[in-house]
């Protein structure tokens, strides 16, 4: 599979055999990536989907949208403010660490062929697996969804951001799926470790 760099080209925190087994030796990962990429191909270059993907990716950069949502939910004192601050601090502290460690361990390169009309989005210089945007989005959404009426909006935003990374060909589909799952698990862990009690 061409989407994986050799262990000598990328520092790994896990044995190189694990990296190869996890990505290079599993044919169904390639199949998923190719199938979804083919399904997205007709949408690339269309003004509407391209605009949505560009805006969503930009909002997901460095967790910008989650910072803004946390601030919005923390306007008034009380439990909701505590939940918002927990989401902001936990996501900001732990998702970059997990993302960096996994990227270094797996060392997967990003999709090689870019759309004929590249979108106006920031092009990351890191490796591809997992998607940091998806990881942060689903972690923050899971943490914010703590008896919150805005929960559907959080998950909708996380979904749009995640899909935008595939549409823009900045990530393979399995990068995004893994980032989303890890984000949910990390968010659940944050809620377990730092519960916010009702008054």
Protein backbone atom coordinates (compact mmCIF):
# COMPACT_ATOMS: atom_id res chain seq x y z
CA UNK A 1 0.00 0.00 0.00
CA UNK A 2 1.54 3.27 -1.10
CA UNK A 3 -0.01 5.20 1.77
CA UNK A 4 2.54 4.06 4.34
CA UNK A 5 6.07 5.36 4.73
CA UNK A 6 8.82 2.97 5.76
CA UNK A 7 9.86 2.85 9.42
CA UNK A 8 13.18 4.44 8.48
CA UNK A 9 11.39 7.48 7.06
CA UNK A 10 9.17 8.15 10.07
CA UNK A 11 9.99 7.82 13.79
CA UNK A 12 7.83 5.18 15.42
CA UNK A 13 6.94 4.76 19.05
CA UNK A 14 5.70 1.23 18.34
CA UNK A 15 7.51 -1.67 16.64
CA UNK A 16 7.58 -1.27 12.87
CA UNK A 17 5.88 -4.65 12.50
CA UNK A 18 2.82 -3.23 14.25
CA UNK A 19 2.65 -0.32 11.83
CA UNK A 20 2.89 -2.64 8.83
CA UNK A 21 0.34 -5.08 10.22
CA UNK A 22 -2.08 -2.32 11.14
CA UNK A 23 -2.11 -0.54 7.79
CA UNK A 24 -0.05 -2.21 5.09
CA UNK A 25 -1.26 -5.78 5.49
CA UNK A 26 -5.00 -5.20 5.79
CA UNK A 27 -6.58 -5.18 2.35
CA UNK A 28 -9.99 -4.08 3.57
CA UNK A 29 -8.56 -0.73 4.65
CA UNK A 30 -7.59 -0.04 1.05
CA UNK A 31 -11.01 -1.21 -0.11
CA UNK A 32 -12.85 1.15 2.24
CA UNK A 33 -10.66 4.09 1.28
CA UNK A 34 -11.02 3.48 -2.46
CA UNK A 35 -14.78 2.89 -2.29
CA UNK A 36 -15.54 6.06 -0.33
CA UNK A 37 -13.10 8.15 -2.35
CA UNK A 38 -14.81 7.02 -5.55
CA UNK A 39 -18.21 7.96 -4.10
CA UNK A 40 -16.96 11.45 -3.26
CA UNK A 41 -15.36 12.05 -6.67
CA UNK A 42 -18.53 13.43 -8.40
CA UNK A 43 -18.99 15.97 -5.57
CA UNK A 44 -15.50 17.43 -5.82
CA UNK A 45 -15.41 20.59 -7.88
CA UNK A 46 -19.06 21.44 -7.17
CA UNK A 47 -19.40 24.89 -5.55
CA UNK A 48 -21.74 23.82 -2.73
CA UNK A 49 -19.90 20.77 -1.38
CA UNK A 50 -16.52 22.46 -1.89
CA UNK A 51 -17.62 25.54 0.07
CA UNK A 52 -19.02 23.47 2.94
CA UNK A 53 -15.86 21.36 3.11
CA UNK A 54 -13.60 24.42 3.05
CA UNK A 55 -15.47 26.21 5.84
CA UNK A 56 -15.79 23.07 7.96
CA UNK A 57 -12.09 22.23 7.66
CA UNK A 58 -11.14 25.80 8.56
CA UNK A 59 -13.43 25.74 11.61
CA UNK A 60 -11.85 22.48 12.69
CA UNK A 61 -8.29 23.83 12.46
CA UNK A 62 -6.73 23.82 15.93
CA UNK A 63 -10.18 23.21 17.45
CA UNK A 64 -11.39 26.72 16.61
CA UNK A 65 -15.10 25.86 16.46
CA UNK A 66 -14.95 23.99 19.77
CA UNK A 67 -13.26 26.91 21.46
CA UNK A 68 -16.05 29.19 20.23
CA UNK A 69 -18.79 26.75 21.25
CA UNK A 70 -17.27 26.30 24.70
CA UNK A 71 -17.15 30.05 25.18
CA UNK A 72 -20.78 30.33 24.09
CA UNK A 73 -21.85 27.66 26.58
CA UNK A 74 -19.76 29.18 29.38
CA UNK A 75 -21.38 32.61 29.30
CA UNK A 76 -23.32 32.02 32.49
CA UNK A 77 -22.02 30.50 35.73
CA UNK A 78 -23.20 27.05 36.72
CA UNK A 79 -22.87 23.45 35.64
CA UNK A 80 -22.98 24.26 31.93
CA UNK A 81 -19.92 26.50 32.29
CA UNK A 82 -18.02 23.75 34.10
CA UNK A 83 -18.90 21.22 31.37
CA UNK A 84 -17.78 23.65 28.66
CA UNK A 85 -14.48 24.37 30.38
CA UNK A 86 -13.85 20.66 30.90
CA UNK A 87 -14.39 20.06 27.19
CA UNK A 88 -12.09 22.91 26.24
CA UNK A 89 -9.24 21.98 28.60
CA UNK A 90 -9.41 18.20 28.18
CA UNK A 91 -9.69 18.30 24.38
CA UNK A 92 -6.92 20.87 24.11
CA UNK A 93 -4.60 18.97 26.42
CA UNK A 94 -5.05 15.36 25.36
CA UNK A 95 -6.11 15.17 21.70
CA UNK A 96 -2.89 16.78 20.36
CA UNK A 97 -0.83 14.33 22.42
CA UNK A 98 -2.76 11.25 21.26
CA UNK A 99 -2.80 12.49 17.68
CA UNK A 100 0.94 13.14 17.57
CA UNK A 101 1.85 9.78 19.12
CA UNK A 102 -0.33 7.81 16.71
CA UNK A 103 0.83 9.75 13.67
CA UNK A 104 4.44 9.03 14.58
CA UNK A 105 3.70 5.37 15.27
CA UNK A 106 1.76 4.61 12.07
CA UNK A 107 3.46 7.03 9.67
CA UNK A 108 0.83 6.93 6.95
CA UNK A 109 1.10 9.42 4.11
CA UNK A 110 -1.87 11.48 3.00
CA UNK A 111 -3.79 10.88 -0.24
CA UNK A 112 -1.37 11.51 -3.08
CA UNK A 113 -3.72 12.84 -5.77
CA UNK A 114 -5.34 16.18 -4.98
CA UNK A 115 -8.53 17.43 -6.68
CA UNK A 116 -8.12 19.25 -9.99
CA UNK A 117 -9.27 22.41 -8.17
CA UNK A 118 -7.68 22.23 -4.71
CA UNK A 119 -9.78 23.74 -1.95
CA UNK A 120 -8.56 26.81 -0.06
CA UNK A 121 -7.70 24.89 3.09
CA UNK A 122 -4.58 24.59 5.19
CA UNK A 123 -2.45 21.69 3.99
CA UNK A 124 -1.03 19.80 7.00
CA UNK A 125 2.60 18.73 6.98
CA UNK A 126 2.10 15.85 9.41
CA UNK A 127 1.33 12.24 8.56
CA UNK A 128 -2.23 11.10 7.93
CA UNK A 129 -3.39 8.54 10.52
CA UNK A 130 -5.51 9.37 12.45
CA UNK A 131 -7.39 12.51 11.46
CA UNK A 132 -6.66 15.10 14.13
CA UNK A 133 -9.69 17.13 13.07
CA UNK A 134 -12.00 14.14 13.60
CA UNK A 135 -10.29 13.18 16.85
CA UNK A 136 -10.70 16.64 18.37
CA UNK A 137 -14.22 17.11 16.99
CA UNK A 138 -15.66 13.91 18.41
CA UNK A 139 -13.83 14.27 21.71
CA UNK A 140 -15.14 17.79 22.20
CA UNK A 141 -18.67 16.88 21.09
CA UNK A 142 -18.76 13.92 23.49
CA UNK A 143 -17.56 16.07 26.38
CA UNK A 144 -19.97 18.88 25.63
CA UNK A 145 -22.87 16.45 25.30
CA UNK A 146 -23.47 16.16 29.01
CA UNK A 147 -27.22 16.66 29.35
CA UNK A 148 -27.03 19.53 26.87
CA UNK A 149 -29.86 20.53 24.54
CA UNK A 150 -27.27 21.55 21.94
CA UNK A 151 -25.96 17.97 21.66
CA UNK A 152 -27.36 17.33 18.13
CA UNK A 153 -25.55 20.45 16.91
CA UNK A 154 -22.27 19.27 18.41
CA UNK A 155 -22.48 15.90 16.67
CA UNK A 156 -23.64 17.43 13.41
CA UNK A 157 -20.64 19.75 13.45
CA UNK A 158 -18.29 16.87 14.26
CA UNK A 159 -19.73 14.87 11.36
CA UNK A 160 -19.40 17.72 8.86
CA UNK A 161 -15.82 18.44 9.91
CA UNK A 162 -14.91 14.77 9.63
CA UNK A 163 -16.48 14.35 6.19
CA UNK A 164 -14.81 17.54 4.97
CA UNK A 165 -11.40 15.95 5.44
CA UNK A 166 -12.31 13.14 3.04
CA UNK A 167 -13.93 15.50 0.55
CA UNK A 168 -10.81 17.67 0.46
CA UNK A 169 -8.62 14.55 0.12
CA UNK A 170 -6.58 15.58 3.15
CA UNK A 171 -7.27 12.21 4.78
CA UNK A 172 -8.14 8.66 3.86
CA UNK A 173 -11.57 7.57 5.04
CA UNK A 174 -10.10 5.15 7.56
CA UNK A 175 -8.04 7.98 9.06
CA UNK A 176 -11.28 9.81 9.76
CA UNK A 177 -13.13 6.76 11.05
CA UNK A 178 -10.28 5.96 13.45
CA UNK A 179 -10.04 9.58 14.60
CA UNK A 180 -13.79 9.72 15.22
CA UNK A 181 -13.83 6.49 17.24
CA UNK A 182 -10.79 7.52 19.26
CA UNK A 183 -12.34 10.91 19.89
CA UNK A 184 -15.53 9.37 21.25
CA UNK A 185 -13.56 7.02 23.49
CA UNK A 186 -11.33 9.82 24.72
CA UNK A 187 -14.36 12.01 25.40
CA UNK A 188 -16.03 9.23 27.36
CA UNK A 189 -12.83 8.78 29.34
CA UNK A 190 -12.77 12.50 30.12
CA UNK A 191 -16.34 12.38 31.38
CA UNK A 192 -15.49 9.35 33.52
CA UNK A 193 -12.34 10.87 35.03
CA UNK A 194 -13.74 14.38 35.50
CA UNK A 195 -17.49 14.09 36.13
CA UNK A 196 -19.46 17.30 36.56
CA UNK A 197 -22.00 16.93 39.34
CA UNK A 198 -25.41 18.49 39.35
CA UNK A 199 -25.93 21.25 41.91
